[in-house]
């Protein structure tokens, strides 16, 4: 059981360092980083599901070291997610502004030259 806790600690530490590196604007690097983070999170999930009580003193010590690390990982994952959301908004905004540049009158109503007589 202690070996699983050590594996969990090592995997969590690696995930922390992976997230600690700045995620660059280069799309290929960011995609690779996100892929590695996803794989690490899946491995951690499997290890966490295998660790069951009762815990030894060594396992409690390792668990206590993991708690602050987990909080920092959550903060960095939130930051990464928010960066991705803002990039997606920027791409969407750029796409719509490009479309408006190509056809600036697309959003205007097309009532030119029509007359509606309300009287009978």
N, C-alpha and C. Protein backbone atom coordinates (compact mmCIF):
# COMPACT_ATOMS: atom_id res chain seq x y z
N UNK A 1 0.83 -1.19 0.00
CA UNK A 1 0.00 0.00 0.00
C UNK A 1 0.87 1.25 0.00
N UNK A 2 1.95 1.22 0.71
CA UNK A 2 2.83 2.39 0.76
C UNK A 2 3.43 2.68 -0.61
N UNK A 3 3.66 1.62 -1.38
CA UNK A 3 4.21 1.82 -2.72
C UNK A 3 3.22 2.60 -3.58
N UNK A 4 1.93 2.33 -3.45
CA UNK A 4 0.93 3.08 -4.20
C UNK A 4 0.92 4.54 -3.79
N UNK A 5 1.07 4.79 -2.50
CA UNK A 5 1.12 6.18 -2.03
C UNK A 5 2.35 6.89 -2.59
N UNK A 6 3.47 6.18 -2.65
CA UNK A 6 4.68 6.77 -3.23
C UNK A 6 4.50 7.04 -4.71
N UNK A 7 3.86 6.11 -5.41
CA UNK A 7 3.57 6.33 -6.83
C UNK A 7 2.65 7.53 -7.01
N UNK A 8 1.65 7.63 -6.15
CA UNK A 8 0.72 8.76 -6.21
C UNK A 8 1.47 10.06 -5.94
N UNK A 9 2.35 10.05 -4.97
CA UNK A 9 3.12 11.25 -4.65
C UNK A 9 4.00 11.66 -5.83
N UNK A 10 4.70 10.69 -6.42
CA UNK A 10 5.57 10.99 -7.56
C UNK A 10 4.77 11.51 -8.75
N UNK A 11 3.64 10.89 -9.02
CA UNK A 11 2.79 11.32 -10.13
C UNK A 11 2.22 12.72 -9.88
N UNK A 12 1.83 12.98 -8.66
CA UNK A 12 1.30 14.31 -8.31
C UNK A 12 2.39 15.36 -8.43
N UNK A 13 3.59 15.03 -7.99
CA UNK A 13 4.71 15.96 -8.09
C UNK A 13 5.03 16.26 -9.56
N UNK A 14 5.05 15.22 -10.39
CA UNK A 14 5.30 15.42 -11.82
C UNK A 14 4.20 16.28 -12.46
N UNK A 15 2.96 16.04 -12.07
CA UNK A 15 1.85 16.84 -12.59
C UNK A 15 2.01 18.30 -12.17
N UNK A 16 2.42 18.51 -10.93
CA UNK A 16 2.64 19.87 -10.45
C UNK A 16 3.72 20.57 -11.26
N UNK A 17 4.83 19.90 -11.50
CA UNK A 17 5.91 20.51 -12.28
C UNK A 17 5.50 20.74 -13.73
N UNK A 18 4.71 19.84 -14.26
CA UNK A 18 4.21 20.01 -15.63
C UNK A 18 3.32 21.25 -15.73
N UNK A 19 2.47 21.44 -14.74
CA UNK A 19 1.59 22.61 -14.74
C UNK A 19 2.34 23.87 -14.33
N UNK A 20 3.43 23.70 -13.60
CA UNK A 20 4.20 24.85 -13.15
C UNK A 20 4.93 25.52 -14.31
N UNK A 21 5.29 24.71 -15.31
CA UNK A 21 5.91 25.31 -16.50
C UNK A 21 4.88 26.19 -17.18
N UNK A 22 5.33 27.29 -17.69
CA UNK A 22 4.38 28.18 -18.35
C UNK A 22 3.91 27.55 -19.64
N UNK A 23 2.61 27.62 -19.85
CA UNK A 23 2.02 27.08 -21.08
C UNK A 23 2.16 28.17 -22.13
N UNK A 24 2.92 27.85 -23.16
CA UNK A 24 3.21 28.86 -24.18
C UNK A 24 2.03 29.04 -25.12
N UNK A 25 2.12 30.07 -25.95
CA UNK A 25 1.08 30.34 -26.94
C UNK A 25 1.20 29.43 -28.15
N UNK A 26 2.30 28.71 -28.24
CA UNK A 26 2.49 27.79 -29.35
C UNK A 26 1.47 26.66 -29.21
N UNK A 27 0.65 26.48 -30.23
CA UNK A 27 -0.44 25.51 -30.14
C UNK A 27 0.03 24.07 -29.98
N UNK A 28 1.10 23.69 -30.68
CA UNK A 28 1.55 22.30 -30.58
C UNK A 28 2.08 22.01 -29.18
N UNK A 29 2.82 22.95 -28.60
CA UNK A 29 3.33 22.74 -27.25
C UNK A 29 2.18 22.68 -26.25
N UNK A 30 1.20 23.55 -26.42
CA UNK A 30 0.08 23.57 -25.49
C UNK A 30 -0.73 22.29 -25.61
N UNK A 31 -0.94 21.81 -26.82
CA UNK A 31 -1.67 20.56 -27.01
C UNK A 31 -0.94 19.40 -26.35
N UNK A 32 0.39 19.36 -26.50
CA UNK A 32 1.17 18.29 -25.88
C UNK A 32 1.09 18.38 -24.36
N UNK A 33 1.16 19.59 -23.83
CA UNK A 33 1.07 19.77 -22.38
C UNK A 33 -0.29 19.33 -21.87
N UNK A 34 -1.34 19.71 -22.56
CA UNK A 34 -2.69 19.32 -22.14
C UNK A 34 -2.85 17.80 -22.21
N UNK A 35 -2.28 17.19 -23.24
CA UNK A 35 -2.35 15.73 -23.36
C UNK A 35 -1.63 15.05 -22.20
N UNK A 36 -0.45 15.55 -21.85
CA UNK A 36 0.30 14.98 -20.73
C UNK A 36 -0.44 15.17 -19.41
N UNK A 37 -1.04 16.34 -19.23
CA UNK A 37 -1.80 16.61 -18.01
C UNK A 37 -2.99 15.66 -17.91
N UNK A 38 -3.68 15.46 -19.02
CA UNK A 38 -4.83 14.56 -19.04
C UNK A 38 -4.42 13.13 -18.69
N UNK A 39 -3.33 12.67 -19.27
CA UNK A 39 -2.84 11.32 -18.97
C UNK A 39 -2.46 11.19 -17.50
N UNK A 40 -1.79 12.20 -16.96
CA UNK A 40 -1.40 12.16 -15.55
C UNK A 40 -2.61 12.15 -14.64
N UNK A 41 -3.61 12.94 -14.98
CA UNK A 41 -4.82 12.97 -14.16
C UNK A 41 -5.55 11.63 -14.18
N UNK A 42 -5.57 10.98 -15.34
CA UNK A 42 -6.21 9.66 -15.43
C UNK A 42 -5.46 8.63 -14.59
N UNK A 43 -4.13 8.66 -14.65
CA UNK A 43 -3.33 7.73 -13.84
C UNK A 43 -3.55 7.98 -12.35
N UNK A 44 -3.60 9.26 -11.98
CA UNK A 44 -3.84 9.61 -10.57
C UNK A 44 -5.19 9.12 -10.10
N UNK A 45 -6.18 9.25 -10.97
CA UNK A 45 -7.53 8.80 -10.60
C UNK A 45 -7.54 7.30 -10.31
N UNK A 46 -6.84 6.54 -11.14
CA UNK A 46 -6.77 5.09 -10.92
C UNK A 46 -6.07 4.78 -9.61
N UNK A 47 -4.94 5.45 -9.35
CA UNK A 47 -4.22 5.22 -8.10
C UNK A 47 -5.05 5.62 -6.88
N UNK A 48 -5.75 6.74 -6.99
CA UNK A 48 -6.57 7.17 -5.85
C UNK A 48 -7.69 6.19 -5.55
N UNK A 49 -8.24 5.58 -6.58
CA UNK A 49 -9.32 4.61 -6.35
C UNK A 49 -8.80 3.32 -5.71
N UNK A 50 -7.52 3.04 -5.87
CA UNK A 50 -6.94 1.82 -5.31
C UNK A 50 -6.51 1.98 -3.85
N UNK A 51 -6.37 3.19 -3.39
CA UNK A 51 -5.92 3.43 -2.03
C UNK A 51 -7.13 3.47 -1.11
N UNK A 52 -7.16 2.53 -0.16
CA UNK A 52 -8.30 2.38 0.74
C UNK A 52 -7.82 2.43 2.19
N UNK A 53 -8.70 2.87 3.12
CA UNK A 53 -8.33 2.84 4.54
C UNK A 53 -8.28 1.41 5.04
N UNK A 54 -7.68 1.12 6.12
CA UNK A 54 -7.00 1.96 7.09
C UNK A 54 -5.61 2.35 6.59
N UNK A 55 -5.21 3.55 6.99
CA UNK A 55 -3.93 4.10 6.53
C UNK A 55 -2.87 3.94 7.61
N UNK A 56 -1.65 3.66 7.17
CA UNK A 56 -0.52 3.61 8.10
C UNK A 56 -0.05 5.03 8.37
N UNK A 57 0.84 5.18 9.33
CA UNK A 57 1.37 6.51 9.66
C UNK A 57 2.13 7.09 8.48
N UNK A 58 2.87 6.25 7.75
CA UNK A 58 3.62 6.71 6.57
C UNK A 58 2.67 7.22 5.50
N UNK A 59 1.57 6.50 5.29
CA UNK A 59 0.59 6.91 4.29
C UNK A 59 -0.10 8.21 4.69
N UNK A 60 -0.36 8.39 5.98
CA UNK A 60 -0.95 9.64 6.46
C UNK A 60 0.02 10.80 6.25
N UNK A 61 1.30 10.56 6.44
CA UNK A 61 2.31 11.61 6.25
C UNK A 61 2.36 12.02 4.78
N UNK A 62 2.40 11.03 3.89
CA UNK A 62 2.43 11.32 2.45
C UNK A 62 1.14 12.02 2.03
N UNK A 63 0.02 11.60 2.57
CA UNK A 63 -1.26 12.25 2.27
C UNK A 63 -1.29 13.70 2.72
N UNK A 64 -0.69 13.98 3.87
CA UNK A 64 -0.63 15.35 4.36
C UNK A 64 0.25 16.21 3.46
N UNK A 65 1.29 15.63 2.87
CA UNK A 65 2.14 16.37 1.94
C UNK A 65 1.42 16.61 0.61
N UNK A 66 0.50 15.72 0.26
CA UNK A 66 -0.22 15.85 -1.01
C UNK A 66 -1.30 16.92 -0.99
N UNK A 67 -1.85 17.22 0.17
CA UNK A 67 -2.98 18.16 0.24
C UNK A 67 -2.60 19.55 -0.27
N UNK A 68 -1.51 20.19 0.21
CA UNK A 68 -1.18 21.52 -0.34
C UNK A 68 -0.80 21.46 -1.82
N UNK A 69 -0.15 20.37 -2.21
CA UNK A 69 0.22 20.20 -3.61
C UNK A 69 -1.02 20.10 -4.48
N UNK A 70 -2.02 19.40 -3.98
CA UNK A 70 -3.29 19.25 -4.71
C UNK A 70 -3.97 20.60 -4.88
N UNK A 71 -3.93 21.44 -3.86
CA UNK A 71 -4.55 22.76 -3.96
C UNK A 71 -3.84 23.62 -5.02
N UNK A 72 -2.53 23.54 -5.08
CA UNK A 72 -1.77 24.30 -6.08
C UNK A 72 -2.07 23.78 -7.49
N UNK A 73 -2.21 22.47 -7.60
CA UNK A 73 -2.55 21.87 -8.90
C UNK A 73 -3.92 22.36 -9.35
N UNK A 74 -4.88 22.41 -8.43
CA UNK A 74 -6.22 22.89 -8.77
C UNK A 74 -6.18 24.33 -9.26
N UNK A 75 -5.37 25.17 -8.61
CA UNK A 75 -5.25 26.56 -9.03
C UNK A 75 -4.67 26.66 -10.43
N UNK A 76 -3.65 25.88 -10.70
CA UNK A 76 -3.01 25.95 -12.02
C UNK A 76 -3.91 25.37 -13.11
N UNK A 77 -4.67 24.34 -12.79
CA UNK A 77 -5.61 23.80 -13.76
C UNK A 77 -6.71 24.82 -14.07
N UNK A 78 -7.16 25.53 -13.07
CA UNK A 78 -8.15 26.58 -13.28
C UNK A 78 -7.58 27.68 -14.16
N UNK A 79 -6.34 28.07 -13.91
CA UNK A 79 -5.69 29.09 -14.72
C UNK A 79 -5.55 28.63 -16.17
N UNK A 80 -5.14 27.38 -16.37
CA UNK A 80 -5.01 26.82 -17.71
C UNK A 80 -6.37 26.81 -18.41
N UNK A 81 -7.40 26.41 -17.71
CA UNK A 81 -8.75 26.36 -18.27
C UNK A 81 -9.22 27.76 -18.66
N UNK A 82 -8.97 28.74 -17.79
CA UNK A 82 -9.38 30.11 -18.09
C UNK A 82 -8.62 30.67 -19.28
N UNK A 83 -7.34 30.34 -19.40
CA UNK A 83 -6.56 30.77 -20.57
C UNK A 83 -7.14 30.18 -21.86
N UNK A 84 -7.50 28.91 -21.79
CA UNK A 84 -8.10 28.28 -22.97
C UNK A 84 -9.44 28.92 -23.33
N UNK A 85 -10.25 29.24 -22.32
CA UNK A 85 -11.53 29.88 -22.58
C UNK A 85 -11.34 31.25 -23.22
N UNK A 86 -10.39 32.03 -22.72
CA UNK A 86 -10.17 33.36 -23.30
C UNK A 86 -9.64 33.25 -24.72
N UNK A 87 -8.76 32.28 -24.98
CA UNK A 87 -8.27 32.08 -26.35
C UNK A 87 -9.40 31.70 -27.29
N UNK A 88 -10.32 30.86 -26.82
CA UNK A 88 -11.45 30.47 -27.65
C UNK A 88 -12.36 31.66 -27.94
N UNK A 89 -12.56 32.52 -26.94
CA UNK A 89 -13.36 33.73 -27.15
C UNK A 89 -12.70 34.64 -28.17
N UNK A 90 -11.37 34.77 -28.06
CA UNK A 90 -10.65 35.63 -29.01
C UNK A 90 -10.75 35.10 -30.43
N UNK A 91 -10.65 33.79 -30.59
CA UNK A 91 -10.77 33.20 -31.93
C UNK A 91 -12.17 33.42 -32.49
N UNK A 92 -13.17 33.26 -31.64
CA UNK A 92 -14.55 33.47 -32.09
C UNK A 92 -14.78 34.93 -32.48
N UNK A 93 -14.25 35.84 -31.66
CA UNK A 93 -14.40 37.27 -31.96
C UNK A 93 -13.67 37.63 -33.25
N UNK A 94 -12.49 37.08 -33.43
CA UNK A 94 -11.71 37.35 -34.64
C UNK A 94 -12.44 36.81 -35.87
N UNK A 95 -13.04 35.64 -35.74
CA UNK A 95 -13.78 35.06 -36.85
C UNK A 95 -14.96 35.94 -37.24
N UNK A 96 -15.69 36.43 -36.24
CA UNK A 96 -16.85 37.27 -36.57
C UNK A 96 -16.40 38.62 -37.14
N UNK A 97 -15.32 39.18 -36.65
CA UNK A 97 -14.86 40.47 -37.19
C UNK A 97 -14.32 40.28 -38.61
N UNK A 98 -13.69 39.15 -38.91
CA UNK A 98 -13.27 38.87 -40.28
C UNK A 98 -14.47 38.76 -41.20
N UNK A 99 -15.53 38.13 -40.72
CA UNK A 99 -16.74 37.97 -41.51
C UNK A 99 -17.38 39.33 -41.77
N UNK A 100 -17.37 40.20 -40.77
CA UNK A 100 -17.94 41.54 -40.95
C UNK A 100 -17.09 42.38 -41.90
N UNK A 101 -15.81 42.15 -41.90
CA UNK A 101 -14.94 42.88 -42.82
C UNK A 101 -15.21 42.46 -44.26
N UNK A 102 -15.44 41.18 -44.48
CA UNK A 102 -15.70 40.67 -45.82
C UNK A 102 -17.06 41.13 -46.32
N UNK A 103 -18.08 41.08 -45.47
CA UNK A 103 -19.43 41.48 -45.86
C UNK A 103 -20.00 42.39 -44.77
N UNK A 104 -19.72 43.71 -44.83
CA UNK A 104 -20.14 44.60 -43.74
C UNK A 104 -21.64 44.84 -43.65
N UNK A 105 -22.39 44.57 -44.69
CA UNK A 105 -23.83 44.84 -44.68
C UNK A 105 -24.66 43.59 -44.44
N UNK A 106 -24.04 42.55 -43.98
CA UNK A 106 -24.74 41.29 -43.78
C UNK A 106 -25.78 41.39 -42.65
N UNK A 107 -25.47 42.14 -41.62
CA UNK A 107 -26.35 42.18 -40.47
C UNK A 107 -27.49 43.18 -40.62
N UNK A 108 -27.48 44.00 -41.65
CA UNK A 108 -28.54 44.98 -41.84
C UNK A 108 -29.80 44.32 -42.38
N UNK A 109 -30.93 44.91 -42.05
CA UNK A 109 -32.20 44.37 -42.53
C UNK A 109 -32.33 44.65 -44.02
N UNK A 110 -33.02 43.79 -44.71
CA UNK A 110 -33.16 43.90 -46.17
C UNK A 110 -34.57 44.34 -46.53
N UNK A 111 -34.91 45.59 -46.20
CA UNK A 111 -36.21 46.12 -46.54
C UNK A 111 -36.10 47.20 -47.62
N UNK A 112 -35.05 47.18 -48.36
CA UNK A 112 -34.83 48.21 -49.37
C UNK A 112 -35.85 48.09 -50.51
N UNK A 113 -36.49 49.21 -50.84
CA UNK A 113 -37.36 49.26 -51.99
C UNK A 113 -38.69 48.60 -51.80
N UNK A 114 -39.05 48.24 -50.63
CA UNK A 114 -40.36 47.62 -50.46
C UNK A 114 -41.28 48.60 -49.73
N UNK A 115 -42.52 48.56 -50.12
CA UNK A 115 -43.51 49.44 -49.51
C UNK A 115 -44.69 48.59 -49.11
N UNK A 116 -45.10 48.72 -47.85
CA UNK A 116 -46.24 47.97 -47.36
C UNK A 116 -47.39 48.95 -47.11
N UNK A 117 -48.48 48.74 -47.81
CA UNK A 117 -49.65 49.60 -47.65
C UNK A 117 -50.58 48.95 -46.64
N UNK A 118 -50.82 49.67 -45.56
CA UNK A 118 -51.67 49.13 -44.50
C UNK A 118 -53.15 49.38 -44.77
N UNK A 119 -53.46 50.29 -45.69
CA UNK A 119 -54.87 50.60 -45.99
C UNK A 119 -55.42 49.62 -47.01
N UNK A 120 -56.71 49.44 -46.96
CA UNK A 120 -57.35 48.56 -47.94
C UNK A 120 -58.13 49.32 -48.93
